[in-house]
Amino acid sequence: MHKVIFDTDPGVDDAMALLFLHQHPDIDLVGITTIFGNASIETTTRNALFLKKAWQIPAPVAKGVGETIDPARAHVGWPVMIHGHDGLGNIGVPDTVEGEPDARPAHRFIIDTVRAHPGEVTLVAVGRMTNLARALAEDPGIVSLVKAVVIMGGAFDVAGNITPAAEANIHGDPEAADIVMGAAWPVIAIGLDVTMKTVMTRSALATIATASPRAKLLADISDFYIDFYAHIVDDGMVVHDSCACVYVVAPELFTTRTGAIRVVCGGIADGQTIQKADGRSFPPSPWDGLPSQTVCTDIDADAVMALITETLSRV
């Protein structure tokens, strides 16, 4: 069993990833930590509690931060055109939902859980990296206790999706991402290089919904998101966040390379992720002395989608 803390900003594709983690038989979802991004921290935390209740997920929810690691960064608006005003495809999530978040802030929940299970916990982070950066700042010793950090973020050999240079999760808090990439824990980055190759069609999701009552809610949540993706894919959605979850249980479905990673902080390339591949020689640079991390460069998209479909269809 893989013990997982899911750091998330629900979010439509986050909802699919959460259901995947909850239903996969080899994953023990030990916590859900929330971060701002697809909506405000109040909305993403409410959405996590809503999904926890709807899908009867036993894992606790811990509320994260609502601002970047550098509070001087200017706030940008929420992507309501992608995830809707309620963050879950405008399905009408109630303003208040049953349940309360854990008393600890998200970064403290991460620290306590990792220390309670040394060497066992994988952090799957599919939003901004702010909670992880705060955990590192408060307790740097967790780097030797975390099993792995699997993130959905970055664009290494392809263009970004929020600017030509940057992917949205990294662009949302580049300083936090640079801290996370540069820490001495094992990071695996699942970026746009691979996620843009994975598509869940509306018809496939409808078929899944006939097999699993939980997936009916997921299909409803996803309609708005699929409409947004009409200019990119044919009647479907790219399943960015679920790819990171699949890596936890089936890393053999991904092609990877290793090397130090830096994140550009500022300027027109703000949020760009750049890897210095192992084995390449350069003059002295800001990549020197940093740990070698893993970047996914290709994916067996058919096999990944088959695994996602099988898992979401479980009753």
Protein backbone atom coordinates (compact mmCIF):
# COMPACT_ATOMS: atom_id res chain seq x y z
CA MET A 1 0.00 0.00 0.00
CA HIS A 2 1.15 3.50 -0.84
CA LYS A 3 0.38 6.03 1.88
CA VAL A 4 -0.52 9.30 0.13
CA ILE A 5 -1.19 12.87 1.22
CA PHE A 6 -3.03 14.62 -1.60
CA ASP A 7 -2.20 18.34 -1.78
CA THR A 8 -4.89 19.81 -4.02
CA ASP A 9 -6.97 22.80 -5.09
CA PRO A 10 -10.31 21.24 -6.15
CA GLY A 11 -10.86 21.98 -9.11
CA VAL A 12 -12.44 19.63 -11.63
CA ASP A 13 -9.43 17.53 -12.64
CA ASP A 14 -8.48 17.49 -8.94
CA ALA A 15 -11.83 15.83 -8.23
CA MET A 16 -11.08 13.05 -10.72
CA ALA A 17 -7.64 12.55 -9.18
CA LEU A 18 -9.13 12.43 -5.68
CA LEU A 19 -11.62 9.76 -6.70
CA PHE A 20 -8.80 7.77 -8.32
CA LEU A 21 -6.77 7.88 -5.09
CA HIS A 22 -9.80 6.93 -3.00
CA GLN A 23 -10.75 3.96 -5.19
CA HIS A 24 -7.37 2.49 -6.16
CA PRO A 25 -6.80 -0.67 -4.09
CA ASP A 26 -3.08 -0.03 -3.64
CA ILE A 27 -3.42 3.50 -2.24
CA ASP A 28 -4.00 4.43 1.40
CA LEU A 29 -5.15 8.04 1.28
CA VAL A 30 -4.07 9.35 4.68
CA GLY A 31 -4.80 13.03 4.19
CA ILE A 32 -6.10 15.76 1.90
CA THR A 33 -4.43 19.16 2.19
CA THR A 34 -5.87 22.15 0.38
CA ILE A 35 -4.21 25.04 -1.40
CA PHE A 36 -5.51 28.05 -3.32
CA GLY A 37 -5.30 28.08 -7.10
CA ASN A 38 -8.33 26.89 -9.03
CA ALA A 39 -10.33 28.92 -6.51
CA SER A 40 -9.76 30.69 -3.18
CA ILE A 41 -8.54 28.64 -0.22
CA GLU A 42 -11.99 28.91 1.38
CA THR A 43 -13.59 27.48 -1.77
CA THR A 44 -11.05 24.71 -2.37
CA THR A 45 -11.29 23.62 1.27
CA ARG A 46 -15.09 23.62 1.11
CA ASN A 47 -14.88 21.59 -2.11
CA ALA A 48 -12.55 19.05 -0.51
CA LEU A 49 -14.97 18.63 2.39
CA PHE A 50 -17.88 18.36 -0.04
CA LEU A 51 -16.18 15.57 -2.03
CA LYS A 52 -15.05 13.83 1.15
CA LYS A 53 -18.67 13.67 2.30
CA ALA A 54 -20.14 12.77 -1.10
CA TRP A 55 -17.66 9.96 -1.72
CA GLN A 56 -17.37 8.83 1.92
CA ILE A 57 -13.63 9.37 2.03
CA PRO A 58 -12.29 8.75 5.55
CA ALA A 59 -9.11 10.81 5.14
CA PRO A 60 -9.02 14.12 7.05
CA VAL A 61 -8.92 17.46 5.25
CA ALA A 62 -6.42 20.10 6.39
CA LYS A 63 -6.75 23.70 5.20
CA GLY A 64 -3.70 25.27 3.61
CA VAL A 65 -2.62 28.80 2.88
CA GLY A 66 -4.35 31.39 0.74
CA GLU A 67 -1.34 33.34 -0.50
CA THR A 68 2.01 32.70 -2.15
CA ILE A 69 5.20 32.02 -0.19
CA ASP A 70 6.22 35.57 -1.12
CA PRO A 71 3.22 37.66 0.00
CA ALA A 72 4.41 40.53 -2.19
CA ARG A 73 3.38 38.65 -5.32
CA ALA A 74 0.33 40.21 -6.93
CA HIS A 75 -2.88 38.18 -6.83
CA VAL A 76 -4.39 37.07 -10.14
CA GLY A 77 -8.05 36.21 -10.60
CA TRP A 78 -9.47 32.73 -10.19
CA PRO A 79 -9.89 30.68 -13.41
CA VAL A 80 -13.69 30.64 -13.29
CA MET A 81 -13.84 30.11 -17.06
CA ILE A 82 -12.18 26.71 -16.53
CA HIS A 83 -13.51 25.40 -13.21
CA GLY A 84 -16.61 27.51 -12.71
CA HIS A 85 -17.47 29.98 -9.95
CA ASP A 86 -17.80 27.18 -7.39
CA GLY A 87 -14.58 25.48 -8.50
CA LEU A 88 -16.45 22.28 -9.37
CA GLY A 89 -18.00 23.04 -12.72
CA ASN A 90 -20.87 25.19 -11.43
CA ILE A 91 -22.79 22.19 -10.10
CA GLY A 92 -24.12 24.29 -7.24
CA VAL A 93 -21.95 23.24 -4.30
CA PRO A 94 -23.59 24.57 -1.11
CA ASP A 95 -21.90 27.55 0.54
CA THR A 96 -21.49 25.49 3.69
CA VAL A 97 -20.97 21.75 3.83
CA GLU A 98 -20.90 19.16 6.56
CA GLY A 99 -17.62 18.59 8.37
CA GLU A 100 -14.69 20.66 9.56
CA PRO A 101 -11.05 20.64 8.51
CA ASP A 102 -8.35 19.26 10.78
CA ALA A 103 -7.29 21.68 13.52
CA ARG A 104 -3.76 21.81 12.10
CA PRO A 105 -2.80 23.93 9.10
CA ALA A 106 -1.93 21.89 6.03
CA HIS A 107 1.85 22.27 6.30
CA ARG A 108 1.77 21.10 9.94
CA PHE A 109 -0.47 18.17 9.02
CA ILE A 110 2.10 17.16 6.40
CA ILE A 111 4.96 17.37 8.90
CA ASP A 112 3.14 15.41 11.61
CA THR A 113 1.97 12.67 9.22
CA VAL A 114 5.37 12.22 7.62
CA ARG A 115 7.05 12.01 11.02
CA ALA A 116 4.46 9.49 12.19
CA HIS A 117 5.20 7.27 9.16
CA PRO A 118 8.88 7.78 8.29
CA GLY A 119 9.79 6.58 4.82
CA GLU A 120 6.21 5.65 3.95
CA VAL A 121 4.36 8.80 2.83
CA THR A 122 4.22 10.02 -0.76
CA LEU A 123 3.16 13.63 -1.24
CA VAL A 124 1.06 14.02 -4.39
CA ALA A 125 0.82 17.75 -5.05
CA VAL A 126 -1.35 18.92 -7.95
CA GLY A 127 -1.64 22.65 -7.26
CA ARG A 128 0.71 25.37 -6.15
CA MET A 129 3.63 24.13 -4.05
CA THR A 130 3.10 26.61 -1.21
CA ASN A 131 2.09 24.12 1.49
CA LEU A 132 5.12 21.95 0.74
CA ALA A 133 7.47 24.94 0.83
CA ARG A 134 6.02 25.99 4.19
CA ALA A 135 6.47 22.47 5.57
CA LEU A 136 10.12 22.53 4.48
CA ALA A 137 10.66 25.92 6.10
CA GLU A 138 9.21 24.77 9.42
CA ASP A 139 10.81 21.32 9.49
CA PRO A 140 13.64 20.80 6.96
CA GLY A 141 14.27 17.35 8.43
CA ILE A 142 11.24 15.87 6.66
CA VAL A 143 13.23 15.65 3.41
CA SER A 144 14.83 12.43 4.63
CA LEU A 145 11.50 11.00 5.83
CA VAL A 146 9.27 11.51 2.76
CA LYS A 147 9.09 8.54 0.40
CA ALA A 148 8.54 10.70 -2.70
CA VAL A 149 7.06 13.98 -3.88
CA VAL A 150 5.02 13.53 -7.07
CA ILE A 151 3.87 16.83 -8.51
CA MET A 152 1.64 17.81 -11.40
CA GLY A 153 3.44 20.83 -12.65
CA GLY A 154 5.91 22.24 -15.11
CA ALA A 155 6.55 22.32 -18.83
CA PHE A 156 10.04 21.16 -19.66
CA ASP A 157 10.26 20.47 -23.40
CA VAL A 158 6.92 22.01 -24.40
CA ALA A 159 5.22 25.40 -24.11
CA GLY A 160 3.34 26.40 -20.99
CA ASN A 161 -0.42 26.77 -20.63
CA ILE A 162 -0.64 30.00 -18.66
CA THR A 163 2.16 31.76 -20.56
CA PRO A 164 4.34 30.48 -23.42
CA ALA A 165 6.98 29.72 -20.79
CA ALA A 166 5.08 28.43 -17.77
CA GLU A 167 2.56 25.86 -16.58
CA ALA A 168 -0.19 27.19 -14.32
CA ASN A 169 0.59 25.40 -11.04
CA ILE A 170 4.23 26.47 -11.09
CA HIS A 171 3.42 29.97 -12.35
CA GLY A 172 1.03 30.41 -9.40
CA ASP A 173 3.91 30.33 -6.90
CA PRO A 174 7.32 30.03 -8.60
CA GLU A 175 9.31 30.72 -5.44
CA ALA A 176 7.60 27.83 -3.64
CA ALA A 177 8.14 25.52 -6.61
CA ASP A 178 11.84 26.41 -6.75
CA ILE A 179 12.18 25.57 -3.05
CA VAL A 180 10.42 22.22 -3.51
CA MET A 181 12.45 21.27 -6.61
CA GLY A 182 15.70 22.16 -4.89
CA ALA A 183 15.11 20.23 -1.66
CA ALA A 184 16.90 16.95 -1.02
CA TRP A 185 13.83 14.75 -1.26
CA PRO A 186 12.94 12.73 -4.39
CA VAL A 187 10.73 14.82 -6.70
CA ILE A 188 8.98 13.43 -9.76
CA ALA A 189 7.52 16.15 -12.00
CA ILE A 190 4.55 15.19 -14.16
CA GLY A 191 4.24 18.17 -16.46
CA LEU A 192 2.50 19.22 -19.63
CA ASP A 193 5.04 17.18 -21.60
CA VAL A 194 2.97 14.10 -20.70
CA THR A 195 -0.39 15.23 -19.33
CA MET A 196 -1.47 16.87 -22.59
CA LYS A 197 -1.38 13.41 -24.19
CA THR A 198 -4.11 12.03 -21.89
CA VAL A 199 -7.77 12.70 -22.69
CA MET A 200 -10.95 11.49 -21.01
CA THR A 201 -13.85 11.88 -23.44
CA ARG A 202 -17.33 12.87 -22.34
CA SER A 203 -18.71 9.56 -23.64
CA ALA A 204 -16.07 7.54 -21.77
CA LEU A 205 -16.88 9.39 -18.56
CA ALA A 206 -20.59 8.76 -19.09
CA THR A 207 -19.89 5.05 -19.45
CA ILE A 208 -17.84 5.07 -16.25
CA ALA A 209 -20.71 6.84 -14.48
CA THR A 210 -23.06 3.96 -15.32
CA ALA A 211 -20.69 1.56 -13.54
CA SER A 212 -19.98 3.59 -10.40
CA PRO A 213 -22.44 5.80 -8.49
CA ARG A 214 -19.55 7.99 -7.32
CA ALA A 215 -18.52 8.64 -10.91
CA LYS A 216 -21.96 10.10 -11.69
CA LEU A 217 -21.07 13.14 -9.58
CA LEU A 218 -17.67 13.28 -11.27
CA ALA A 219 -19.31 13.31 -14.70
CA ASP A 220 -21.58 16.17 -13.64
CA ILE A 221 -18.62 18.13 -12.27
CA SER A 222 -16.63 17.57 -15.47
CA ASP A 223 -19.18 18.84 -18.03
CA PHE A 224 -18.19 22.50 -17.64
CA TYR A 225 -14.47 21.64 -17.84
CA ILE A 226 -14.99 19.57 -21.00
CA ASP A 227 -16.77 22.52 -22.60
CA PHE A 228 -13.73 24.69 -21.84
CA TYR A 229 -11.40 22.16 -23.48
CA ALA A 230 -13.38 22.20 -26.74
CA HIS A 231 -10.73 24.37 -28.39
CA ILE A 232 -7.99 21.85 -27.52
CA VAL A 233 -9.52 18.35 -27.63
CA ASP A 234 -12.63 16.82 -29.20
CA ASP A 235 -15.40 16.54 -26.57
CA GLY A 236 -13.08 15.58 -23.74
CA MET A 237 -10.80 16.81 -20.96
CA VAL A 238 -7.09 16.51 -20.33
CA VAL A 239 -6.60 14.61 -17.06
CA HIS A 240 -3.55 16.49 -15.75
CA ASP A 241 -3.83 15.68 -12.05
CA SER A 242 -4.79 12.03 -12.40
CA CYS A 243 -1.51 11.40 -14.25
CA ALA A 244 0.42 12.24 -11.09
CA CYS A 245 -1.72 9.76 -9.16
CA VAL A 246 -1.15 7.04 -11.76
CA TYR A 247 2.62 7.49 -11.42
CA VAL A 248 2.41 6.44 -7.77
CA VAL A 249 1.08 2.98 -8.66
CA ALA A 250 2.40 2.51 -12.22
CA PRO A 251 5.66 4.44 -12.79
CA GLU A 252 6.57 2.00 -15.57
CA LEU A 253 4.03 3.76 -17.80
CA PHE A 254 6.23 6.88 -17.92
CA THR A 255 9.55 7.71 -19.59
CA THR A 256 11.80 9.87 -17.41
CA ARG A 257 15.08 11.70 -17.24
CA THR A 258 16.96 13.04 -14.25
CA GLY A 259 18.75 16.25 -13.39
CA ALA A 260 18.63 19.36 -11.24
CA ILE A 261 15.61 21.66 -11.72
CA ARG A 262 15.33 25.40 -11.29
CA VAL A 263 12.23 27.57 -11.57
CA VAL A 264 12.44 31.05 -13.06
CA CYS A 265 11.15 33.61 -10.54
CA GLY A 266 10.31 36.90 -12.24
CA GLY A 267 10.41 38.42 -15.68
CA ILE A 268 8.64 37.31 -18.82
CA ALA A 269 9.57 33.64 -18.19
CA ASP A 270 8.17 33.71 -14.63
CA GLY A 271 7.37 30.13 -13.58
CA GLN A 272 9.38 28.39 -16.29
CA THR A 273 10.80 25.02 -15.22
CA ILE A 274 14.29 24.25 -16.52
CA GLN A 275 16.15 20.99 -15.95
CA LYS A 276 19.90 20.52 -16.28
CA ALA A 277 19.94 16.91 -17.43
CA ASP A 278 22.41 14.61 -15.73
CA GLY A 279 25.45 13.96 -17.87
CA ARG A 280 25.45 17.38 -19.53
CA SER A 281 28.43 19.65 -18.88
CA PHE A 282 28.00 23.40 -18.46
CA PRO A 283 30.03 26.22 -16.92
CA PRO A 284 29.21 27.02 -13.28
CA SER A 285 25.50 27.81 -12.93
CA PRO A 286 22.61 28.11 -10.43
CA TRP A 287 21.87 24.38 -11.01
CA ASP A 288 25.16 23.31 -9.41
CA GLY A 289 24.96 21.47 -6.11
CA LEU A 290 21.23 20.80 -6.32
CA PRO A 291 19.76 17.29 -6.07
CA SER A 292 18.96 15.36 -9.22
CA GLN A 293 15.19 15.16 -9.66
CA THR A 294 13.02 13.20 -12.09
CA VAL A 295 11.04 14.68 -14.97
CA CYS A 296 8.56 12.68 -17.03
CA THR A 297 9.17 13.17 -20.74
CA ASP A 298 6.77 10.64 -22.27
CA ILE A 299 3.80 8.49 -21.31
CA ASP A 300 1.94 5.38 -22.41
CA ALA A 301 -1.26 7.38 -22.68
CA ASP A 302 -3.50 4.45 -23.63
CA ALA A 303 -2.37 2.38 -20.66
CA VAL A 304 -2.69 5.33 -18.28
CA MET A 305 -6.23 6.07 -19.46
CA ALA A 306 -7.14 2.40 -19.17
CA LEU A 307 -5.95 2.36 -15.55
CA ILE A 308 -7.82 5.56 -14.74
CA THR A 309 -11.00 4.19 -16.35
CA GLU A 310 -10.73 0.88 -14.50
CA THR A 311 -10.16 2.61 -11.17
CA LEU A 312 -12.94 5.19 -11.53
CA SER A 313 -15.36 2.41 -12.53
CA ARG A 314 -14.88 0.50 -9.27
CA VAL A 315 -18.01 0.25 -7.19
